[in-house]
C-alpha atoms as a PDB file:
ATOM      1  CA  MET A   1      82.025 111.192 173.765  1.00  0.00           C
ATOM      2  CA  THR A   2      82.276 108.867 176.750  1.00  0.00           C
ATOM      3  CA  ASP A   3      81.761 110.058 180.323  1.00  0.00           C
ATOM      4  CA  GLN A   4      85.366 109.226 181.185  1.00  0.00           C
ATOM      5  CA  PRO A   5      88.208 111.112 179.475  1.00  0.00           C
ATOM      6  CA  GLN A   6      89.738 109.162 176.635  1.00  0.00           C
ATOM      7  CA  VAL A   7      93.043 111.024 176.828  1.00  0.00           C
ATOM      8  CA  ARG A   8      94.554 112.136 180.115  1.00  0.00           C
ATOM      9  CA  LEU A   9      97.782 113.337 181.702  1.00  0.00           C
ATOM     10  CA  GLU A  10      99.442 111.821 184.751  1.00  0.00           C
ATOM     11  CA  ARG A  11     102.587 113.078 186.437  1.00  0.00           C
ATOM     12  CA  ALA A  12     105.515 111.161 187.915  1.00  0.00           C
ATOM     13  CA  GLY A  13     108.135 113.661 189.027  1.00  0.00           C
ATOM     14  CA  ASP A  14     109.397 115.552 185.993  1.00  0.00           C
ATOM     15  CA  VAL A  15     107.831 113.043 183.583  1.00  0.00           C
ATOM     16  CA  ILE A  16     104.325 113.546 182.208  1.00  0.00           C
ATOM     17  CA  GLU A  17     102.470 110.504 180.883  1.00  0.00           C
ATOM     18  CA  LEU A  18     100.044 111.103 178.020  1.00  0.00           C
ATOM     19  CA  ILE A  19      97.603 108.191 178.248  1.00  0.00           C
ATOM     20  CA  TRP A  20      95.112 107.098 175.598  1.00  0.00           C
ATOM     21  CA  ALA A  21      92.289 105.011 177.050  1.00  0.00           C
ATOM     22  CA  ALA A  22      89.298 104.966 174.712  1.00  0.00           C
ATOM     23  CA  PRO A  23      86.851 102.077 175.140  1.00  0.00           C
ATOM     24  CA  ARG A  24      87.720  98.745 173.536  1.00  0.00           C
ATOM     25  CA  LEU A  25      89.985  99.456 170.544  1.00  0.00           C
ATOM     26  CA  ASN A  26      91.325 102.980 171.117  1.00  0.00           C
ATOM     27  CA  LEU A  27      89.758 104.049 167.831  1.00  0.00           C
ATOM     28  CA  PHE A  28      90.622 107.564 166.751  1.00  0.00           C
ATOM     29  CA  THR A  29      87.762 110.019 166.241  1.00  0.00           C
ATOM     30  CA  ALA A  30      87.332 113.771 166.034  1.00  0.00           C
ATOM     31  CA  ALA A  31      86.395 113.697 169.729  1.00  0.00           C
ATOM     32  CA  VAL A  32      89.643 111.893 170.547  1.00  0.00           C
ATOM     33  CA  ALA A  33      91.511 114.521 168.522  1.00  0.00           C
ATOM     34  CA  ASP A  34      89.843 117.179 170.680  1.00  0.00           C
ATOM     35  CA  GLU A  35      91.060 115.436 173.816  1.00  0.00           C
ATOM     36  CA  PHE A  36      94.613 115.021 172.522  1.00  0.00           C
ATOM     37  CA  GLU A  37      94.768 118.705 171.668  1.00  0.00           C
ATOM     38  CA  SER A  38      93.337 119.677 175.053  1.00  0.00           C
ATOM     39  CA  ALA A  39      95.726 117.389 176.961  1.00  0.00           C
ATOM     40  CA  LEU A  40      98.767 118.705 175.122  1.00  0.00           C
ATOM     41  CA  GLY A  41      97.622 122.218 175.891  1.00  0.00           C
ATOM     42  CA  LEU A  42      97.661 121.339 179.598  1.00  0.00           C
ATOM     43  CA  LEU A  43     101.217 120.029 179.571  1.00  0.00           C
ATOM     44  CA  PRO A  44     102.902 121.697 182.589  1.00  0.00           C
ATOM     45  CA  ASP A  45     105.572 124.275 181.836  1.00  0.00           C
ATOM     46  CA  ASP A  46     107.984 122.491 184.154  1.00  0.00           C
ATOM     47  CA  ALA A  47     107.606 119.073 182.502  1.00  0.00           C
ATOM     48  CA  ARG A  48     110.944 117.651 181.339  1.00  0.00           C
ATOM     49  CA  ALA A  49     109.913 114.488 179.473  1.00  0.00           C
ATOM     50  CA  LEU A  50     106.747 112.983 177.980  1.00  0.00           C
ATOM     51  CA  LEU A  51     105.838 109.292 177.914  1.00  0.00           C
ATOM     52  CA  PHE A  52     103.009 108.441 175.498  1.00  0.00           C
ATOM     53  CA  ARG A  53     101.186 105.173 176.126  1.00  0.00           C
ATOM     54  CA  ALA A  54      97.794 103.548 175.752  1.00  0.00           C
ATOM     55  CA  GLU A  55      95.643 101.312 177.902  1.00  0.00           C
ATOM     56  CA  GLY A  56      93.566  98.336 176.808  1.00  0.00           C
ATOM     57  CA  THR A  57      94.096  95.269 174.656  1.00  0.00           C
ATOM     58  CA  VAL A  58      95.378  97.332 171.713  1.00  0.00           C
ATOM     59  CA  PHE A  59      97.387 100.525 171.460  1.00  0.00           C
ATOM     60  CA  CYS A  60      95.280 101.791 168.551  1.00  0.00           C
ATOM     61  CA  GLY A  61      92.855 100.069 166.218  1.00  0.00           C
ATOM     62  CA  GLY A  62      92.988 102.954 163.740  1.00  0.00           C
ATOM     63  CA  VAL A  63      90.578 105.708 162.803  1.00  0.00           C
ATOM     64  CA  LYS A  64      86.906 104.852 163.345  1.00  0.00           C
ATOM     65  CA  VAL A  65      85.701 104.202 159.799  1.00  0.00           C
ATOM     66  CA  GLN A  66      82.401 105.992 160.342  1.00  0.00           C
ATOM     67  CA  GLU A  67      84.395 109.231 160.629  1.00  0.00           C
ATOM     68  CA  PHE A  68      85.180 109.099 156.912  1.00  0.00           C
ATOM     69  CA  THR A  69      81.521 109.500 155.958  1.00  0.00           C
ATOM     70  CA  VAL A  70      81.001 112.791 157.791  1.00  0.00           C
ATOM     71  CA  LEU A  71      84.252 114.702 157.570  1.00  0.00           C
ATOM     72  CA  ASP A  72      86.113 116.962 155.188  1.00  0.00           C
ATOM     73  CA  GLY A  73      89.071 114.744 154.338  1.00  0.00           C
ATOM     74  CA  THR A  74      91.529 117.549 153.642  1.00  0.00           C
ATOM     75  CA  ALA A  75      90.676 119.372 156.865  1.00  0.00           C
ATOM     76  CA  PHE A  76      90.873 116.132 158.857  1.00  0.00           C
ATOM     77  CA  SER A  77      94.284 115.317 157.377  1.00  0.00           C
ATOM     78  CA  ARG A  78      95.533 118.796 158.261  1.00  0.00           C
ATOM     79  CA  ARG A  79      94.291 118.306 161.811  1.00  0.00           C
ATOM     80  CA  LEU A  80      95.936 114.888 162.201  1.00  0.00           C
ATOM     81  CA  LEU A  81      99.231 116.103 160.771  1.00  0.00           C
ATOM     82  CA  ALA A  82      99.175 119.153 163.047  1.00  0.00           C
ATOM     83  CA  LEU A  83      98.704 116.866 166.047  1.00  0.00           C
ATOM     84  CA  VAL A  84     101.726 114.751 165.085  1.00  0.00           C
ATOM     85  CA  GLN A  85     103.769 117.896 164.470  1.00  0.00           C
ATOM     86  CA  ARG A  86     102.704 119.277 167.835  1.00  0.00           C
ATOM     87  CA  ILE A  87     104.000 116.167 169.607  1.00  0.00           C
ATOM     88  CA  GLU A  88     107.166 116.340 167.535  1.00  0.00           C
ATOM     89  CA  SER A  89     107.812 119.964 168.482  1.00  0.00           C
ATOM     90  CA  LEU A  90     107.163 119.662 172.221  1.00  0.00           C
ATOM     91  CA  PRO A  91     109.965 121.268 174.241  1.00  0.00           C
ATOM     92  CA  VAL A  92     110.777 117.986 176.016  1.00  0.00           C
ATOM     93  CA  PRO A  93     112.088 114.561 174.946  1.00  0.00           C
ATOM     94  CA  THR A  94     109.289 112.142 174.088  1.00  0.00           C
ATOM     95  CA  ILE A  95     108.948 108.365 174.103  1.00  0.00           C
ATOM     96  CA  ALA A  96     106.063 106.276 172.737  1.00  0.00           C
ATOM     97  CA  VAL A  97     105.509 102.983 174.576  1.00  0.00           C
ATOM     98  CA  VAL A  98     103.630 100.522 172.359  1.00  0.00           C
ATOM     99  CA  HIS A  99     102.378  97.459 174.210  1.00  0.00           C
ATOM    100  CA  ALA A 100     100.121  95.839 171.600  1.00  0.00           C
ATOM    101  CA  LEU A 101      98.596  96.209 168.133  1.00  0.00           C
ATOM    102  CA  ASN A 102      99.101  99.739 166.786  1.00  0.00           C
ATOM    103  CA  LEU A 103      97.599 100.764 163.446  1.00  0.00           C
ATOM    104  CA  THR A 104      97.403 103.859 161.241  1.00  0.00           C
ATOM    105  CA  ILE A 105      97.082 107.081 163.264  1.00  0.00           C
ATOM    106  CA  GLY A 106      98.370 105.358 166.418  1.00  0.00           C
ATOM    107  CA  LEU A 107     101.610 104.539 164.623  1.00  0.00           C
ATOM    108  CA  GLU A 108     101.753 108.013 163.100  1.00  0.00           C
ATOM    109  CA  LEU A 109     101.434 109.583 166.555  1.00  0.00           C
ATOM    110  CA  ALA A 110     104.196 107.301 167.843  1.00  0.00           C
ATOM    111  CA  LEU A 111     106.395 108.336 164.913  1.00  0.00           C
ATOM    112  CA  GLY A 112     106.067 111.911 166.139  1.00  0.00           C
ATOM    113  CA  CYS A 113     107.979 110.933 169.293  1.00  0.00           C
ATOM    114  CA  ASP A 114     111.752 110.896 169.665  1.00  0.00           C
ATOM    115  CA  PHE A 115     111.757 107.218 170.669  1.00  0.00           C
ATOM    116  CA  ILE A 116     109.483 104.237 170.069  1.00  0.00           C
ATOM    117  CA  TRP A 117     109.716 101.341 172.513  1.00  0.00           C
ATOM    118  CA  ALA A 118     107.612  98.254 171.945  1.00  0.00           C
ATOM    119  CA  SER A 119     106.788  94.981 173.623  1.00  0.00           C
ATOM    120  CA  GLU A 120     107.823  91.740 171.960  1.00  0.00           C
ATOM    121  CA  GLN A 121     104.113  91.053 171.386  1.00  0.00           C
ATOM    122  CA  ALA A 122     103.385  94.360 169.654  1.00  0.00           C
ATOM    123  CA  ARG A 123     102.446  94.533 165.991  1.00  0.00           C
ATOM    124  CA  MET A 124     102.149  97.646 163.856  1.00  0.00           C
ATOM    125  CA  GLY A 125     101.028  98.676 160.422  1.00  0.00           C
ATOM    126  CA  MET A 126      99.934 101.418 158.075  1.00  0.00           C
ATOM    127  CA  VAL A 127      96.904  99.525 156.814  1.00  0.00           C
ATOM    128  CA  GLU A 128      95.164 102.403 155.035  1.00  0.00           C
ATOM    129  CA  ALA A 129      95.740 100.821 151.618  1.00  0.00           C
ATOM    130  CA  THR A 130      93.476  97.920 152.563  1.00  0.00           C
ATOM    131  CA  VAL A 131      90.501 100.299 152.670  1.00  0.00           C
ATOM    132  CA  GLY A 132      91.556 102.403 149.697  1.00  0.00           C
ATOM    133  CA  ILE A 133      93.076 105.408 151.439  1.00  0.00           C
ATOM    134  CA  ALA A 134      96.563 106.747 152.220  1.00  0.00           C
ATOM    135  CA  PRO A 135      98.189 107.691 155.549  1.00  0.00           C
ATOM    136  CA  ALA A 136      97.061 111.234 156.278  1.00  0.00           C
ATOM    137  CA  ALA A 137      99.130 112.272 159.315  1.00  0.00           C
ATOM    138  CA  GLY A 138     102.685 112.190 158.004  1.00  0.00           C
ATOM    139  CA  GLY A 139     103.388 108.548 158.738  1.00  0.00           C
ATOM    140  CA  THR A 140     104.666 107.753 155.241  1.00  0.00           C
ATOM    141  CA  GLN A 141     107.494 110.272 155.346  1.00  0.00           C
ATOM    142  CA  ARG A 142     108.378 109.555 158.964  1.00  0.00           C
ATOM    143  CA  LEU A 143     108.567 105.828 158.227  1.00  0.00           C
ATOM    144  CA  ALA A 144     110.879 106.635 155.329  1.00  0.00           C
ATOM    145  CA  ALA A 145     113.104 108.689 157.624  1.00  0.00           C
ATOM    146  CA  ARG A 146     113.432 105.751 160.027  1.00  0.00           C
ATOM    147  CA  ALA A 147     113.379 102.710 157.752  1.00  0.00           C
ATOM    148  CA  GLY A 148     114.277 104.013 154.291  1.00  0.00           C
ATOM    149  CA  ILE A 149     112.130 104.553 151.213  1.00  0.00           C
ATOM    150  CA  GLY A 150     111.945 100.887 150.199  1.00  0.00           C
ATOM    151  CA  ARG A 151     110.699  99.512 153.486  1.00  0.00           C
ATOM    152  CA  ALA A 152     108.363 102.447 154.018  1.00  0.00           C
ATOM    153  CA  ALA A 153     106.927 101.819 150.554  1.00  0.00           C
ATOM    154  CA  GLU A 154     106.377  98.158 151.403  1.00  0.00           C
ATOM    155  CA  MET A 155     104.549  99.007 154.607  1.00  0.00           C
ATOM    156  CA  VAL A 156     102.383 101.723 153.103  1.00  0.00           C
ATOM    157  CA  LEU A 157     101.595 100.200 149.708  1.00  0.00           C
ATOM    158  CA  THR A 158     100.798  96.688 150.961  1.00  0.00           C
ATOM    159  CA  GLY A 159      98.990  97.710 154.136  1.00  0.00           C
ATOM    160  CA  ALA A 160     100.616  94.749 155.892  1.00  0.00           C
ATOM    161  CA  ILE A 161     100.998  94.406 159.655  1.00  0.00           C
ATOM    162  CA  TYR A 162     104.486  93.685 161.008  1.00  0.00           C
ATOM    163  CA  ASP A 163     105.805  92.180 164.223  1.00  0.00           C
ATOM    164  CA  ALA A 164     107.703  94.600 166.444  1.00  0.00           C
ATOM    165  CA  ASP A 165     110.911  92.572 166.195  1.00  0.00           C
ATOM    166  CA  GLU A 166     110.987  93.068 162.416  1.00  0.00           C
ATOM    167  CA  LEU A 167     110.293  96.773 162.823  1.00  0.00           C
ATOM    168  CA  ALA A 168     113.151  96.941 165.322  1.00  0.00           C
ATOM    169  CA  ARG A 169     115.478  95.462 162.701  1.00  0.00           C
ATOM    170  CA  TRP A 170     114.239  98.075 160.247  1.00  0.00           C
ATOM    171  CA  GLY A 171     114.838 100.944 162.671  1.00  0.00           C
ATOM    172  CA  VAL A 172     111.179 101.862 163.153  1.00  0.00           C
ATOM    173  CA  VAL A 173     111.220 100.586 166.743  1.00  0.00           C
ATOM    174  CA  ASP A 174     114.114 101.778 168.881  1.00  0.00           C
ATOM    175  CA  ARG A 175     113.912  99.231 171.691  1.00  0.00           C
ATOM    176  CA  LEU A 176     112.190  95.846 171.926  1.00  0.00           C
ATOM    177  CA  VAL A 177     111.309  94.814 175.488  1.00  0.00           C
ATOM    178  CA  PRO A 178     109.489  91.845 177.105  1.00  0.00           C
ATOM    179  CA  ALA A 179     105.887  92.837 177.763  1.00  0.00           C
ATOM    180  CA  ALA A 180     106.151  92.639 181.554  1.00  0.00           C
ATOM    181  CA  ASP A 181     109.188  94.928 181.563  1.00  0.00           C
ATOM    182  CA  LEU A 182     108.094  97.436 178.938  1.00  0.00           C
ATOM    183  CA  LEU A 183     106.407 100.123 181.015  1.00  0.00           C
ATOM    184  CA  PRO A 184     108.770  99.952 184.039  1.00  0.00           C
ATOM    185  CA  LEU A 185     111.865 100.192 181.825  1.00  0.00           C
ATOM    186  CA  ALA A 186     110.331 102.907 179.663  1.00  0.00           C
ATOM    187  CA  ARG A 187     109.489 104.912 182.771  1.00  0.00           C
ATOM    188  CA  GLU A 188     113.084 104.564 183.972  1.00  0.00           C
ATOM    189  CA  PHE A 189     114.320 105.783 180.599  1.00  0.00           C
ATOM    190  CA  ALA A 190     111.878 108.703 180.600  1.00  0.00           C
ATOM    191  CA  ALA A 191     113.075 109.680 184.081  1.00  0.00           C
ATOM    192  CA  ARG A 192     116.647 109.555 182.812  1.00  0.00           C
ATOM    193  CA  LEU A 193     115.714 111.872 179.938  1.00  0.00           C
ATOM    194  CA  ALA A 194     113.933 114.193 182.369  1.00  0.00           C
ATOM    195  CA  ALA A 195     117.027 114.397 184.555  1.00  0.00           C
ATOM    196  CA  GLY A 196     119.118 115.575 181.618  1.00  0.00           C
ATOM    197  CA  PRO A 197     119.912 119.119 180.469  1.00  0.00           C
ATOM    198  CA  THR A 198     116.525 119.881 178.935  1.00  0.00           C
ATOM    199  CA  ALA A 199     117.526 123.034 177.064  1.00  0.00           C
ATOM    200  CA  ALA A 200     120.551 121.294 175.540  1.00  0.00           C
ATOM    201  CA  SER A 201     118.441 118.251 174.691  1.00  0.00           C
ATOM    202  CA  ASN A 202     115.958 120.449 172.850  1.00  0.00           C
ATOM    203  CA  VAL A 203     118.746 121.956 170.766  1.00  0.00           C
ATOM    204  CA  SER A 204     119.976 118.473 169.890  1.00  0.00           C
ATOM    205  CA  ARG A 205     116.419 117.405 168.979  1.00  0.00           C
ATOM    206  CA  ALA A 206     116.031 120.465 166.734  1.00  0.00           C
ATOM    207  CA  LEU A 207     119.301 119.672 164.971  1.00  0.00           C
ATOM    208  CA  LEU A 208     118.263 116.051 164.480  1.00  0.00           C
ATOM    209  CA  ARG A 209     114.943 117.126 162.953  1.00  0.00           C
ATOM    210  CA  THR A 210     116.688 119.639 160.711  1.00  0.00           C
ATOM    211  CA  ALA A 211     119.127 117.001 159.473  1.00  0.00           C
ATOM    212  CA  ARG A 212     116.252 114.588 158.875  1.00  0.00           C
ATOM    213  CA  ASP A 213     114.093 117.081 157.006  1.00  0.00           C
ATOM    214  CA  ARG A 214     116.655 119.255 155.207  1.00  0.00           C
ATOM    215  CA  GLY A 215     120.000 117.465 155.351  1.00  0.00           C
ATOM    216  CA  ILE A 216     123.346 117.831 157.094  1.00  0.00           C
ATOM    217  CA  ALA A 217     124.265 121.127 155.429  1.00  0.00           C
ATOM    218  CA  ALA A 218     121.070 122.734 156.716  1.00  0.00           C
ATOM    219  CA  ALA A 219     121.739 121.442 160.219  1.00  0.00           C
ATOM    220  CA  ASP A 220     125.292 122.769 160.038  1.00  0.00           C
ATOM    221  CA  ALA A 221     123.964 126.176 159.038  1.00  0.00           C
ATOM    222  CA  VAL A 222     121.852 126.548 162.174  1.00  0.00           C
ATOM    223  CA  THR A 223     124.183 124.811 164.643  1.00  0.00           C
ATOM    224  CA  PRO A 224     126.059 127.920 165.886  1.00  0.00           C
ATOM    225  CA  GLU A 225     122.867 129.849 166.588  1.00  0.00           C
ATOM    226  CA  LEU A 226     121.189 126.904 168.312  1.00  0.00           C
ATOM    227  CA  ALA A 227     124.074 125.202 170.102  1.00  0.00           C
ATOM    228  CA  GLY A 228     126.184 128.273 170.830  1.00  0.00           C
ATOM    229  CA  PRO A 229     123.996 129.811 173.567  1.00  0.00           C
ATOM    230  CA  ILE A 230     123.869 126.473 175.393  1.00  0.00           C
ATOM    231  CA  LEU A 231     127.612 126.730 176.029  1.00  0.00           C
ATOM    232  CA  THR A 232     126.872 129.442 178.613  1.00  0.00           C
ATOM    233  CA  SER A 233     123.617 128.027 180.001  1.00  0.00           C
ATOM    234  CA  ASP A 234     122.915 127.266 183.657  1.00  0.00           C
ATOM    235  CA  ASP A 235     123.153 123.537 182.994  1.00  0.00           C
ATOM    236  CA  ALA A 236     126.496 123.947 181.239  1.00  0.00           C
ATOM    237  CA  ALA A 237     127.851 125.679 184.348  1.00  0.00           C
ATOM    238  CA  ILE A 238     126.472 122.880 186.535  1.00  0.00           C
ATOM    239  CA  GLY A 239     127.960 120.204 184.296  1.00  0.00           C
ATOM    240  CA  ILE A 240     131.388 121.837 184.135  1.00  0.00           C
ATOM    241  CA  LYS A 241     131.483 122.332 187.906  1.00  0.00           C
ATOM    242  CA  SER A 242     130.526 118.686 188.442  1.00  0.00           C
ATOM    243  CA  LEU A 243     133.203 117.491 186.027  1.00  0.00           C
ATOM    244  CA  LEU A 244     135.937 119.547 187.673  1.00  0.00           C
ATOM    245  CA  GLU A 245     134.960 118.623 191.211  1.00  0.00           C
ATOM    246  CA  ALA A 246     133.828 114.995 190.912  1.00  0.00           C
ATOM    247  CA  GLY A 247     135.249 113.743 187.628  1.00  0.00           C
ATOM    248  CA  PRO A 248     133.634 112.366 184.463  1.00  0.00           C
ATOM    249  CA  GLY A 249     131.631 109.674 186.272  1.00  0.00           C
ATOM    250  CA  ALA A 250     129.547 112.160 188.243  1.00  0.00           C
ATOM    251  CA  GLN A 251     125.859 112.752 187.555  1.00  0.00           C
ATOM    252  CA  PRO A 252     125.150 116.498 187.627  1.00  0.00           C
ATOM    253  CA  ARG A 253     121.791 117.690 188.952  1.00  0.00           C
ATOM    254  CA  PHE A 254     120.651 119.673 185.953  1.00  0.00           C
ATOM    255  CA  THR A 255     117.877 122.249 186.246  1.00  0.00           C
ATOM    256  CA  GLY A 256     116.756 122.110 182.623  1.00  0.00           C
ATOM    257  CA  ARG A 257     117.829 125.703 181.928  1.00  0.00           C
END
């Protein structure tokens, strides 16, 4: 492990930034997994949005190949998938901000976020097939949920690398932004998410995941129990009061409860 942390948290108001800054290529290792798990465990209880980004010339160069010679593959896959699922189940909206090349586990971690924003120069790929392995952290199925089975199959089975503009057309990338504007605009968007009704947002995120994983009927089945209590939440009272007093154009000051 390096002397400097490879994964750290920084705070800007109600937004927490999860920053990956491993030397040179942001290669993923068991030590990096340790730091991701530790950082997520330190996420403040009062955080209201998470912005996931990386520093350096690439977002992620993939898993360090030397790891494959010393690990239990099944256990490592379980660990990677659990990390993606942990990001996915955080109690706050999440946005991945991809500024450059992003391969394998880096893309899988981004797919665990609610939103993926990318610079016009970014490129991404599930390149595992080129070294004879398969994505091990849930990226295949999450690509399929965003882009459809056919395009996910093309990405995974060919191991090709794609420009961010093509991935935006496919629905993998949610917003394509000029490189110089990417982080400032993403931070503005994260702040907007953080200013929203966090409890209500988390219900909506749960319903979206349920519809993705189990279909509309399953989401319908849990909607009353999830969405019903929000109708009498603190933020609902704030929003209704704001609407009645200031009209539909007002911006309520939600508390997140």
